[in-house]
């Protein structure tokens, strides 16, 4: 299923690459508004906050569209496939998305080199460690303030500079982490939907076991001819078109649902329809065998 594959692939993309520009690229038109960073031991310019917001909006919109297409494809396929075969497909894709969830969870932690969003700011490289300090260990506000003040003082930065840097780092972390958090939520929702579909499949399988189909022991040509004649002669109330004539396509589908017979619906429809050559061929064979099914009026 292409739509499902495209969606799962989109969850695993490294979108941080959309937020950085190679310094030799023609796209570097205004480096004054871009942040110089080192990413995977290479120098880049990271887009400014507003540009990242625009990029991530496009990314999330695209992934949501792929999500909807994937779900639609699954429901359409479910309506036409045997539930016995469909369950393995669901299990496989649930596990595939779970792997993406683990990857996205690692991306949450921008301070970790395991995150694909991990990068080091070139400016103020001496205080890059501040980005990744566990501030929960500092109990009250003045301790946090003092921590940054003392650190910045050692490197000849003012107290105001340190506070500005804290705010900048906080905003940058929020901006970058938005993508993996959003993708994680979308992926998790997809797994929940697949689990719901899996429950539907299990219900269909149970219903199939409770109401097993009738096994047809004769030839596939026989079932079409006999059930066609029984419907034509009034013994079976087969599905009708608006004009009152038998809808042999719907009738064939109904037979397939209730009989275990090795024939597809289109071929069965031809055996059912007295105007089709296949039906006439069978009629000739049964006429030779002197087989006769009367009209219901004759025996009522």
C-alpha atoms as a PDB file:
ATOM      1  CA  UNK A   1       0.000   0.000   0.000  1.00  0.00           C
ATOM      2  CA  UNK A   2       1.745   3.113  -1.268  1.00  0.00           C
ATOM      3  CA  UNK A   3      -0.033   5.676   0.920  1.00  0.00           C
ATOM      4  CA  UNK A   4       0.760   3.735   4.102  1.00  0.00           C
ATOM      5  CA  UNK A   5       4.403   3.371   3.077  1.00  0.00           C
ATOM      6  CA  UNK A   6       4.696   7.086   2.248  1.00  0.00           C
ATOM      7  CA  UNK A   7       3.229   8.049   5.625  1.00  0.00           C
ATOM      8  CA  UNK A   8       5.495   5.770   7.667  1.00  0.00           C
ATOM      9  CA  UNK A   9       8.503   6.973   5.681  1.00  0.00           C
ATOM     10  CA  UNK A  10       7.576  10.601   6.413  1.00  0.00           C
ATOM     11  CA  UNK A  11       7.697   9.878  10.165  1.00  0.00           C
ATOM     12  CA  UNK A  12      11.343   8.845   9.895  1.00  0.00           C
ATOM     13  CA  UNK A  13      12.621  11.797   7.870  1.00  0.00           C
ATOM     14  CA  UNK A  14      15.298  14.050   9.387  1.00  0.00           C
ATOM     15  CA  UNK A  15      13.511  17.391   9.186  1.00  0.00           C
ATOM     16  CA  UNK A  16      16.312  19.300  10.880  1.00  0.00           C
ATOM     17  CA  UNK A  17      17.994  19.227   7.470  1.00  0.00           C
ATOM     18  CA  UNK A  18      15.180  21.521   6.288  1.00  0.00           C
ATOM     19  CA  UNK A  19      16.163  24.052   8.952  1.00  0.00           C
ATOM     20  CA  UNK A  20      19.841  24.397   8.066  1.00  0.00           C
ATOM     21  CA  UNK A  21      21.619  25.792   5.010  1.00  0.00           C
ATOM     22  CA  UNK A  22      25.021  24.915   3.623  1.00  0.00           C
ATOM     23  CA  UNK A  23      27.205  28.057   3.774  1.00  0.00           C
ATOM     24  CA  UNK A  24      28.140  27.506   0.123  1.00  0.00           C
ATOM     25  CA  UNK A  25      24.531  27.277  -0.959  1.00  0.00           C
ATOM     26  CA  UNK A  26      22.876  29.984  -3.033  1.00  0.00           C
ATOM     27  CA  UNK A  27      20.104  29.989  -0.418  1.00  0.00           C
ATOM     28  CA  UNK A  28      22.340  31.891   2.018  1.00  0.00           C
ATOM     29  CA  UNK A  29      21.020  35.286   1.006  1.00  0.00           C
ATOM     30  CA  UNK A  30      20.807  36.887   4.439  1.00  0.00           C
ATOM     31  CA  UNK A  31      23.124  35.226   6.930  1.00  0.00           C
ATOM     32  CA  UNK A  32      22.534  38.040   9.422  1.00  0.00           C
ATOM     33  CA  UNK A  33      19.229  36.372  10.283  1.00  0.00           C
ATOM     34  CA  UNK A  34      20.609  32.832  10.407  1.00  0.00           C
ATOM     35  CA  UNK A  35      22.364  31.112  13.309  1.00  0.00           C
ATOM     36  CA  UNK A  36      25.819  29.592  12.670  1.00  0.00           C
ATOM     37  CA  UNK A  37      25.881  26.006  13.974  1.00  0.00           C
ATOM     38  CA  UNK A  38      27.931  22.844  13.767  1.00  0.00           C
ATOM     39  CA  UNK A  39      25.861  19.816  12.818  1.00  0.00           C
ATOM     40  CA  UNK A  40      27.435  16.382  12.485  1.00  0.00           C
ATOM     41  CA  UNK A  41      30.885  18.024  12.429  1.00  0.00           C
ATOM     42  CA  UNK A  42      29.977  20.356   9.563  1.00  0.00           C
ATOM     43  CA  UNK A  43      29.279  24.073   9.561  1.00  0.00           C
ATOM     44  CA  UNK A  44      25.785  25.316   8.605  1.00  0.00           C
ATOM     45  CA  UNK A  45      23.457  28.262   9.026  1.00  0.00           C
ATOM     46  CA  UNK A  46      20.300  27.494  10.983  1.00  0.00           C
ATOM     47  CA  UNK A  47      17.228  29.378   9.785  1.00  0.00           C
ATOM     48  CA  UNK A  48      15.775  32.091  11.967  1.00  0.00           C
ATOM     49  CA  UNK A  49      12.785  31.294  14.164  1.00  0.00           C
ATOM     50  CA  UNK A  50      10.150  32.728  11.807  1.00  0.00           C
ATOM     51  CA  UNK A  51      11.466  30.771   8.829  1.00  0.00           C
ATOM     52  CA  UNK A  52      11.545  27.559  10.862  1.00  0.00           C
ATOM     53  CA  UNK A  53       7.918  28.179  11.875  1.00  0.00           C
ATOM     54  CA  UNK A  54       6.921  28.412   8.201  1.00  0.00           C
ATOM     55  CA  UNK A  55       8.888  25.283   7.299  1.00  0.00           C
ATOM     56  CA  UNK A  56       7.491  23.201  10.126  1.00  0.00           C
ATOM     57  CA  UNK A  57       3.929  24.268   9.268  1.00  0.00           C
ATOM     58  CA  UNK A  58       4.452  22.869   5.758  1.00  0.00           C
ATOM     59  CA  UNK A  59       5.966  19.676   7.163  1.00  0.00           C
ATOM     60  CA  UNK A  60       3.145  18.994   9.627  1.00  0.00           C
ATOM     61  CA  UNK A  61       0.492  19.800   7.013  1.00  0.00           C
ATOM     62  CA  UNK A  62       2.090  17.342   4.597  1.00  0.00           C
ATOM     63  CA  UNK A  63       2.409  14.573   7.207  1.00  0.00           C
ATOM     64  CA  UNK A  64      -1.232  15.037   8.277  1.00  0.00           C
ATOM     65  CA  UNK A  65      -2.306  14.695   4.649  1.00  0.00           C
ATOM     66  CA  UNK A  66      -0.258  11.490   4.309  1.00  0.00           C
ATOM     67  CA  UNK A  67      -1.830  10.236   7.561  1.00  0.00           C
ATOM     68  CA  UNK A  68      -5.360  10.717   6.206  1.00  0.00           C
ATOM     69  CA  UNK A  69      -4.490   9.085   2.874  1.00  0.00           C
ATOM     70  CA  UNK A  70      -2.945   6.099   4.661  1.00  0.00           C
ATOM     71  CA  UNK A  71      -6.010   5.528   6.849  1.00  0.00           C
ATOM     72  CA  UNK A  72      -8.352   5.840   3.861  1.00  0.00           C
ATOM     73  CA  UNK A  73      -6.292   3.304   1.928  1.00  0.00           C
ATOM     74  CA  UNK A  74      -6.442   0.844   4.824  1.00  0.00           C
ATOM     75  CA  UNK A  75     -10.228   1.100   5.240  1.00  0.00           C
ATOM     76  CA  UNK A  76     -10.800   0.714   1.490  1.00  0.00           C
ATOM     77  CA  UNK A  77      -8.556  -2.360   1.417  1.00  0.00           C
ATOM     78  CA  UNK A  78     -10.272  -3.839   4.468  1.00  0.00           C
ATOM     79  CA  UNK A  79     -13.629  -3.728   2.686  1.00  0.00           C
ATOM     80  CA  UNK A  80     -12.333  -5.932  -0.133  1.00  0.00           C
ATOM     81  CA  UNK A  81      -9.871  -8.291   1.570  1.00  0.00           C
ATOM     82  CA  UNK A  82     -10.173 -11.409   3.669  1.00  0.00           C
ATOM     83  CA  UNK A  83      -9.740 -10.461   7.361  1.00  0.00           C
ATOM     84  CA  UNK A  84      -7.536 -13.530   7.825  1.00  0.00           C
ATOM     85  CA  UNK A  85      -4.894 -12.002   5.552  1.00  0.00           C
ATOM     86  CA  UNK A  86      -5.379  -8.423   6.745  1.00  0.00           C
ATOM     87  CA  UNK A  87      -4.354  -8.954  10.360  1.00  0.00           C
ATOM     88  CA  UNK A  88      -0.716  -9.704   9.493  1.00  0.00           C
ATOM     89  CA  UNK A  89      -0.563  -6.472   7.477  1.00  0.00           C
ATOM     90  CA  UNK A  90      -1.813  -4.479  10.482  1.00  0.00           C
ATOM     91  CA  UNK A  91       0.625  -6.109  12.899  1.00  0.00           C
ATOM     92  CA  UNK A  92       3.554  -5.404  10.570  1.00  0.00           C
ATOM     93  CA  UNK A  93       2.684  -1.720  10.193  1.00  0.00           C
ATOM     94  CA  UNK A  94       1.972  -1.231  13.904  1.00  0.00           C
ATOM     95  CA  UNK A  95       5.482  -2.475  14.658  1.00  0.00           C
ATOM     96  CA  UNK A  96       6.934  -0.303  11.881  1.00  0.00           C
ATOM     97  CA  UNK A  97       5.344   2.830  13.366  1.00  0.00           C
ATOM     98  CA  UNK A  98       6.484   1.857  16.868  1.00  0.00           C
ATOM     99  CA  UNK A  99      10.070   1.904  15.602  1.00  0.00           C
ATOM    100  CA  UNK A 100       9.497   5.438  14.315  1.00  0.00           C
ATOM    101  CA  UNK A 101       8.068   6.394  17.720  1.00  0.00           C
ATOM    102  CA  UNK A 102      11.302   5.298  19.413  1.00  0.00           C
ATOM    103  CA  UNK A 103      13.297   7.385  16.959  1.00  0.00           C
ATOM    104  CA  UNK A 104      11.085  10.434  17.510  1.00  0.00           C
ATOM    105  CA  UNK A 105      11.303  10.016  21.279  1.00  0.00           C
ATOM    106  CA  UNK A 106      15.088  10.168  21.014  1.00  0.00           C
ATOM    107  CA  UNK A 107      14.706  13.378  19.000  1.00  0.00           C
ATOM    108  CA  UNK A 108      12.912  15.050  21.936  1.00  0.00           C
ATOM    109  CA  UNK A 109      16.202  15.444  23.792  1.00  0.00           C
ATOM    110  CA  UNK A 110      17.983  18.139  21.800  1.00  0.00           C
ATOM    111  CA  UNK A 111      20.914  17.988  24.218  1.00  0.00           C
ATOM    112  CA  UNK A 112      21.634  14.366  23.300  1.00  0.00           C
ATOM    113  CA  UNK A 113      23.784  13.360  20.365  1.00  0.00           C
ATOM    114  CA  UNK A 114      21.240  10.589  19.779  1.00  0.00           C
ATOM    115  CA  UNK A 115      18.798  13.270  18.667  1.00  0.00           C
ATOM    116  CA  UNK A 116      18.870  14.142  14.989  1.00  0.00           C
ATOM    117  CA  UNK A 117      18.217  17.751  16.055  1.00  0.00           C
ATOM    118  CA  UNK A 118      21.404  18.000  18.105  1.00  0.00           C
ATOM    119  CA  UNK A 119      23.700  20.807  16.958  1.00  0.00           C
ATOM    120  CA  UNK A 120      26.246  23.132  18.565  1.00  0.00           C
ATOM    121  CA  UNK A 121      25.958  26.889  18.234  1.00  0.00           C
ATOM    122  CA  UNK A 122      29.173  28.424  16.956  1.00  0.00           C
ATOM    123  CA  UNK A 123      28.796  31.740  18.779  1.00  0.00           C
ATOM    124  CA  UNK A 124      29.396  31.630  22.535  1.00  0.00           C
ATOM    125  CA  UNK A 125      30.742  28.112  22.194  1.00  0.00           C
ATOM    126  CA  UNK A 126      32.173  28.419  25.714  1.00  0.00           C
ATOM    127  CA  UNK A 127      28.682  28.383  27.209  1.00  0.00           C
ATOM    128  CA  UNK A 128      26.992  25.842  24.979  1.00  0.00           C
ATOM    129  CA  UNK A 129      26.898  23.580  28.010  1.00  0.00           C
ATOM    130  CA  UNK A 130      24.173  25.819  29.432  1.00  0.00           C
ATOM    131  CA  UNK A 131      21.756  24.511  26.835  1.00  0.00           C
ATOM    132  CA  UNK A 132      21.929  21.078  28.316  1.00  0.00           C
ATOM    133  CA  UNK A 133      21.970  21.666  32.076  1.00  0.00           C
ATOM    134  CA  UNK A 134      19.332  19.880  34.142  1.00  0.00           C
ATOM    135  CA  UNK A 135      17.780  22.942  35.836  1.00  0.00           C
ATOM    136  CA  UNK A 136      15.388  20.796  37.857  1.00  0.00           C
ATOM    137  CA  UNK A 137      18.303  20.209  40.233  1.00  0.00           C
ATOM    138  CA  UNK A 138      18.355  23.930  41.089  1.00  0.00           C
ATOM    139  CA  UNK A 139      15.660  24.506  43.680  1.00  0.00           C
ATOM    140  CA  UNK A 140      14.563  28.141  43.423  1.00  0.00           C
ATOM    141  CA  UNK A 141      14.638  31.017  40.961  1.00  0.00           C
ATOM    142  CA  UNK A 142      17.553  32.965  42.453  1.00  0.00           C
ATOM    143  CA  UNK A 143      19.726  29.810  42.338  1.00  0.00           C
ATOM    144  CA  UNK A 144      19.053  29.441  38.611  1.00  0.00           C
ATOM    145  CA  UNK A 145      19.807  33.125  38.095  1.00  0.00           C
ATOM    146  CA  UNK A 146      22.986  32.879  40.162  1.00  0.00           C
ATOM    147  CA  UNK A 147      24.088  29.773  38.281  1.00  0.00           C
ATOM    148  CA  UNK A 148      24.004  31.596  34.966  1.00  0.00           C
ATOM    149  CA  UNK A 149      25.410  34.793  36.433  1.00  0.00           C
ATOM    150  CA  UNK A 150      28.455  33.069  37.906  1.00  0.00           C
ATOM    151  CA  UNK A 151      29.013  31.061  34.746  1.00  0.00           C
ATOM    152  CA  UNK A 152      28.768  34.084  32.483  1.00  0.00           C
ATOM    153  CA  UNK A 153      30.935  36.153  34.847  1.00  0.00           C
ATOM    154  CA  UNK A 154      33.779  33.693  34.443  1.00  0.00           C
ATOM    155  CA  UNK A 155      33.642  34.245  30.704  1.00  0.00           C
ATOM    156  CA  UNK A 156      33.279  38.031  30.961  1.00  0.00           C
ATOM    157  CA  UNK A 157      29.586  38.136  29.999  1.00  0.00           C
ATOM    158  CA  UNK A 158      27.171  40.434  31.771  1.00  0.00           C
ATOM    159  CA  UNK A 159      24.257  39.196  33.857  1.00  0.00           C
ATOM    160  CA  UNK A 160      21.843  40.590  31.261  1.00  0.00           C
ATOM    161  CA  UNK A 161      23.664  38.733  28.464  1.00  0.00           C
ATOM    162  CA  UNK A 162      23.312  35.472  30.343  1.00  0.00           C
ATOM    163  CA  UNK A 163      19.579  35.976  30.860  1.00  0.00           C
ATOM    164  CA  UNK A 164      19.103  36.875  27.204  1.00  0.00           C
ATOM    165  CA  UNK A 165      20.956  33.750  26.254  1.00  0.00           C
ATOM    166  CA  UNK A 166      18.715  31.644  28.506  1.00  0.00           C
ATOM    167  CA  UNK A 167      15.629  33.053  26.813  1.00  0.00           C
ATOM    168  CA  UNK A 168      17.149  32.501  23.377  1.00  0.00           C
ATOM    169  CA  UNK A 169      18.042  28.877  24.170  1.00  0.00           C
ATOM    170  CA  UNK A 170      14.584  28.249  25.617  1.00  0.00           C
ATOM    171  CA  UNK A 171      12.836  29.642  22.525  1.00  0.00           C
ATOM    172  CA  UNK A 172      15.136  27.771  20.161  1.00  0.00           C
ATOM    173  CA  UNK A 173      14.532  24.480  21.986  1.00  0.00           C
ATOM    174  CA  UNK A 174      10.765  24.995  21.793  1.00  0.00           C
ATOM    175  CA  UNK A 175      10.961  25.829  18.105  1.00  0.00           C
ATOM    176  CA  UNK A 176      13.071  22.815  17.141  1.00  0.00           C
ATOM    177  CA  UNK A 177      11.375  20.272  19.407  1.00  0.00           C
ATOM    178  CA  UNK A 178       7.952  21.114  17.982  1.00  0.00           C
ATOM    179  CA  UNK A 179       8.492  18.849  14.958  1.00  0.00           C
ATOM    180  CA  UNK A 180       9.446  15.594  16.768  1.00  0.00           C
ATOM    181  CA  UNK A 181       6.715  16.173  19.388  1.00  0.00           C
ATOM    182  CA  UNK A 182       4.078  16.759  16.705  1.00  0.00           C
ATOM    183  CA  UNK A 183       5.192  13.779  14.630  1.00  0.00           C
ATOM    184  CA  UNK A 184       5.182  11.600  17.750  1.00  0.00           C
ATOM    185  CA  UNK A 185       1.551  12.544  18.456  1.00  0.00           C
ATOM    186  CA  UNK A 186       0.504  11.868  14.852  1.00  0.00           C
ATOM    187  CA  UNK A 187       2.333   8.531  14.810  1.00  0.00           C
ATOM    188  CA  UNK A 188       0.823   7.510  18.155  1.00  0.00           C
ATOM    189  CA  UNK A 189      -2.649   8.380  16.888  1.00  0.00           C
ATOM    190  CA  UNK A 190      -2.010   6.227  13.812  1.00  0.00           C
ATOM    191  CA  UNK A 191      -1.085   3.242  16.006  1.00  0.00           C
ATOM    192  CA  UNK A 192      -4.289   3.762  18.021  1.00  0.00           C
ATOM    193  CA  UNK A 193      -6.316   3.775  14.782  1.00  0.00           C
ATOM    194  CA  UNK A 194      -4.600   0.610  13.564  1.00  0.00           C
ATOM    195  CA  UNK A 195      -5.386  -1.079  16.884  1.00  0.00           C
ATOM    196  CA  UNK A 196      -9.055  -0.132  16.433  1.00  0.00           C
ATOM    197  CA  UNK A 197      -9.009  -1.571  12.905  1.00  0.00           C
ATOM    198  CA  UNK A 198      -7.355  -4.703  14.297  1.00  0.00           C
ATOM    199  CA  UNK A 199     -10.310  -5.082  16.679  1.00  0.00           C
ATOM    200  CA  UNK A 200     -12.692  -4.774  13.721  1.00  0.00           C
ATOM    201  CA  UNK A 201     -10.717  -7.467  11.882  1.00  0.00           C
ATOM    202  CA  UNK A 202     -10.896  -9.753  14.936  1.00  0.00           C
ATOM    203  CA  UNK A 203     -14.666  -9.205  15.125  1.00  0.00           C
ATOM    204  CA  UNK A 204     -14.990 -10.100  11.440  1.00  0.00           C
ATOM    205  CA  UNK A 205     -12.931 -13.245  11.978  1.00  0.00           C
ATOM    206  CA  UNK A 206     -15.078 -14.281  14.945  1.00  0.00           C
ATOM    207  CA  UNK A 207     -18.260 -13.627  12.972  1.00  0.00           C
ATOM    208  CA  UNK A 208     -16.863 -15.735  10.170  1.00  0.00           C
ATOM    209  CA  UNK A 209     -16.237 -18.608  12.594  1.00  0.00           C
ATOM    210  CA  UNK A 210     -19.705 -18.308  14.139  1.00  0.00           C
ATOM    211  CA  UNK A 211     -21.371 -18.169  10.725  1.00  0.00           C
ATOM    212  CA  UNK A 212     -19.274 -20.431   8.494  1.00  0.00           C
ATOM    213  CA  UNK A 213     -20.048 -20.439   4.786  1.00  0.00           C
ATOM    214  CA  UNK A 214     -21.798 -23.352   3.105  1.00  0.00           C
ATOM    215  CA  UNK A 215     -19.309 -25.493   1.204  1.00  0.00           C
ATOM    216  CA  UNK A 216     -20.290 -26.078  -2.425  1.00  0.00           C
ATOM    217  CA  UNK A 217     -19.181 -29.569  -3.502  1.00  0.00           C
ATOM    218  CA  UNK A 218     -20.198 -29.311  -7.155  1.00  0.00           C
ATOM    219  CA  UNK A 219     -18.431 -27.499  -9.956  1.00  0.00           C
ATOM    220  CA  UNK A 220     -18.283 -23.720  -9.945  1.00  0.00           C
ATOM    221  CA  UNK A 221     -20.386 -23.754 -13.118  1.00  0.00           C
ATOM    222  CA  UNK A 222     -23.130 -25.651 -11.294  1.00  0.00           C
ATOM    223  CA  UNK A 223     -23.664 -23.164  -8.472  1.00  0.00           C
ATOM    224  CA  UNK A 224     -24.087 -20.298 -10.904  1.00  0.00           C
ATOM    225  CA  UNK A 225     -26.576 -22.158 -13.063  1.00  0.00           C
ATOM    226  CA  UNK A 226     -28.698 -23.636 -10.246  1.00  0.00           C
ATOM    227  CA  UNK A 227     -28.898 -20.516  -8.091  1.00  0.00           C
ATOM    228  CA  UNK A 228     -29.516 -18.425 -11.187  1.00  0.00           C
ATOM    229  CA  UNK A 229     -32.464 -20.612 -12.244  1.00  0.00           C
ATOM    230  CA  UNK A 230     -33.842 -20.702  -8.687  1.00  0.00           C
ATOM    231  CA  UNK A 231     -33.840 -16.895  -8.613  1.00  0.00           C
ATOM    232  CA  UNK A 232     -35.324 -16.567 -12.107  1.00  0.00           C
ATOM    233  CA  UNK A 233     -38.084 -19.078 -11.299  1.00  0.00           C
ATOM    234  CA  UNK A 234     -39.016 -17.299  -8.062  1.00  0.00           C
ATOM    235  CA  UNK A 235     -37.576 -19.643  -5.427  1.00  0.00           C
ATOM    236  CA  UNK A 236     -34.958 -17.091  -4.279  1.00  0.00           C
ATOM    237  CA  UNK A 237     -35.609 -13.393  -3.751  1.00  0.00           C
ATOM    238  CA  UNK A 238     -32.335 -12.156  -5.271  1.00  0.00           C
ATOM    239  CA  UNK A 239     -31.193  -8.489  -5.181  1.00  0.00           C
ATOM    240  CA  UNK A 240     -33.038  -6.360  -7.750  1.00  0.00           C
ATOM    241  CA  UNK A 241     -32.255  -3.281  -9.831  1.00  0.00           C
ATOM    242  CA  UNK A 242     -34.609  -0.297  -9.772  1.00  0.00           C
ATOM    243  CA  UNK A 243     -36.403  -1.694 -12.835  1.00  0.00           C
ATOM    244  CA  UNK A 244     -37.208  -4.895 -10.927  1.00  0.00           C
ATOM    245  CA  UNK A 245     -34.764  -7.122 -12.801  1.00  0.00           C
ATOM    246  CA  UNK A 246     -32.256  -9.287 -10.941  1.00  0.00           C
ATOM    247  CA  UNK A 247     -28.971  -7.546 -10.148  1.00  0.00           C
ATOM    248  CA  UNK A 248     -26.642 -10.430 -10.973  1.00  0.00           C
ATOM    249  CA  UNK A 249     -23.540  -8.534  -9.792  1.00  0.00           C
ATOM    250  CA  UNK A 250     -24.991  -8.017  -6.306  1.00  0.00           C
ATOM    251  CA  UNK A 251     -26.381 -11.565  -6.354  1.00  0.00           C
ATOM    252  CA  UNK A 252     -22.930 -13.002  -7.140  1.00  0.00           C
ATOM    253  CA  UNK A 253     -21.419 -11.022  -4.246  1.00  0.00           C
ATOM    254  CA  UNK A 254     -24.075 -12.351  -1.866  1.00  0.00           C
ATOM    255  CA  UNK A 255     -23.437 -15.933  -2.976  1.00  0.00           C
ATOM    256  CA  UNK A 256     -19.699 -15.524  -2.434  1.00  0.00           C
ATOM    257  CA  UNK A 257     -20.369 -14.281   1.100  1.00  0.00           C
ATOM    258  CA  UNK A 258     -22.455 -17.333   1.984  1.00  0.00           C
ATOM    259  CA  UNK A 259     -20.910 -20.147  -0.048  1.00  0.00           C
ATOM    260  CA  UNK A 260     -17.391 -21.517  -0.041  1.00  0.00           C
ATOM    261  CA  UNK A 261     -16.746 -21.905  -3.760  1.00  0.00           C
ATOM    262  CA  UNK A 262     -13.632 -21.356  -5.869  1.00  0.00           C
ATOM    263  CA  UNK A 263     -14.889 -18.793  -8.370  1.00  0.00           C
ATOM    264  CA  UNK A 264     -14.582 -15.015  -8.566  1.00  0.00           C
ATOM    265  CA  UNK A 265     -17.641 -12.752  -8.504  1.00  0.00           C
ATOM    266  CA  UNK A 266     -17.374 -11.660 -12.134  1.00  0.00           C
ATOM    267  CA  UNK A 267     -17.295 -15.232 -13.465  1.00  0.00           C
ATOM    268  CA  UNK A 268     -20.107 -16.247 -11.118  1.00  0.00           C
ATOM    269  CA  UNK A 269     -22.213 -13.353 -12.405  1.00  0.00           C
ATOM    270  CA  UNK A 270     -21.880 -14.746 -15.938  1.00  0.00           C
ATOM    271  CA  UNK A 271     -23.025 -18.215 -14.826  1.00  0.00           C
ATOM    272  CA  UNK A 272     -26.046 -16.680 -13.074  1.00  0.00           C
ATOM    273  CA  UNK A 273     -27.238 -14.494 -15.958  1.00  0.00           C
ATOM    274  CA  UNK A 274     -29.394 -16.409 -18.504  1.00  0.00           C
ATOM    275  CA  UNK A 275     -28.419 -13.900 -21.195  1.00  0.00           C
ATOM    276  CA  UNK A 276     -24.725 -14.754 -20.884  1.00  0.00           C
ATOM    277  CA  UNK A 277     -23.087 -17.419 -23.078  1.00  0.00           C
ATOM    278  CA  UNK A 278     -21.624 -19.226 -20.046  1.00  0.00           C
ATOM    279  CA  UNK A 279     -25.112 -19.707 -18.596  1.00  0.00           C
ATOM    280  CA  UNK A 280     -26.369 -21.044 -21.920  1.00  0.00           C
ATOM    281  CA  UNK A 281     -23.495 -23.541 -22.123  1.00  0.00           C
ATOM    282  CA  UNK A 282     -24.473 -24.917 -18.721  1.00  0.00           C
ATOM    283  CA  UNK A 283     -28.149 -24.994 -19.657  1.00  0.00           C
ATOM    284  CA  UNK A 284     -27.364 -27.196 -22.648  1.00  0.00           C
ATOM    285  CA  UNK A 285     -25.471 -29.631 -20.417  1.00  0.00           C
ATOM    286  CA  UNK A 286     -28.315 -29.851 -17.891  1.00  0.00           C
ATOM    287  CA  UNK A 287     -30.935 -30.144 -20.636  1.00  0.00           C
ATOM    288  CA  UNK A 288     -29.088 -33.199 -21.952  1.00  0.00           C
ATOM    289  CA  UNK A 289     -29.204 -34.649 -18.441  1.00  0.00           C
ATOM    290  CA  UNK A 290     -32.960 -33.912 -18.442  1.00  0.00           C
ATOM    291  CA  UNK A 291     -32.560 -31.651 -15.433  1.00  0.00           C
ATOM    292  CA  UNK A 292     -35.562 -29.450 -14.844  1.00  0.00           C
ATOM    293  CA  UNK A 293     -36.404 -26.825 -12.224  1.00  0.00           C
ATOM    294  CA  UNK A 294     -40.032 -25.659 -12.496  1.00  0.00           C
ATOM    295  CA  UNK A 295     -41.287 -22.155 -11.895  1.00  0.00           C
ATOM    296  CA  UNK A 296     -42.510 -21.626  -8.333  1.00  0.00           C
ATOM    297  CA  UNK A 297     -46.023 -21.026  -9.678  1.00  0.00           C
ATOM    298  CA  UNK A 298     -46.115 -24.546 -11.147  1.00  0.00           C
ATOM    299  CA  UNK A 299     -45.587 -26.199  -7.774  1.00  0.00           C
ATOM    300  CA  UNK A 300     -47.494 -23.786  -5.553  1.00  0.00           C
END
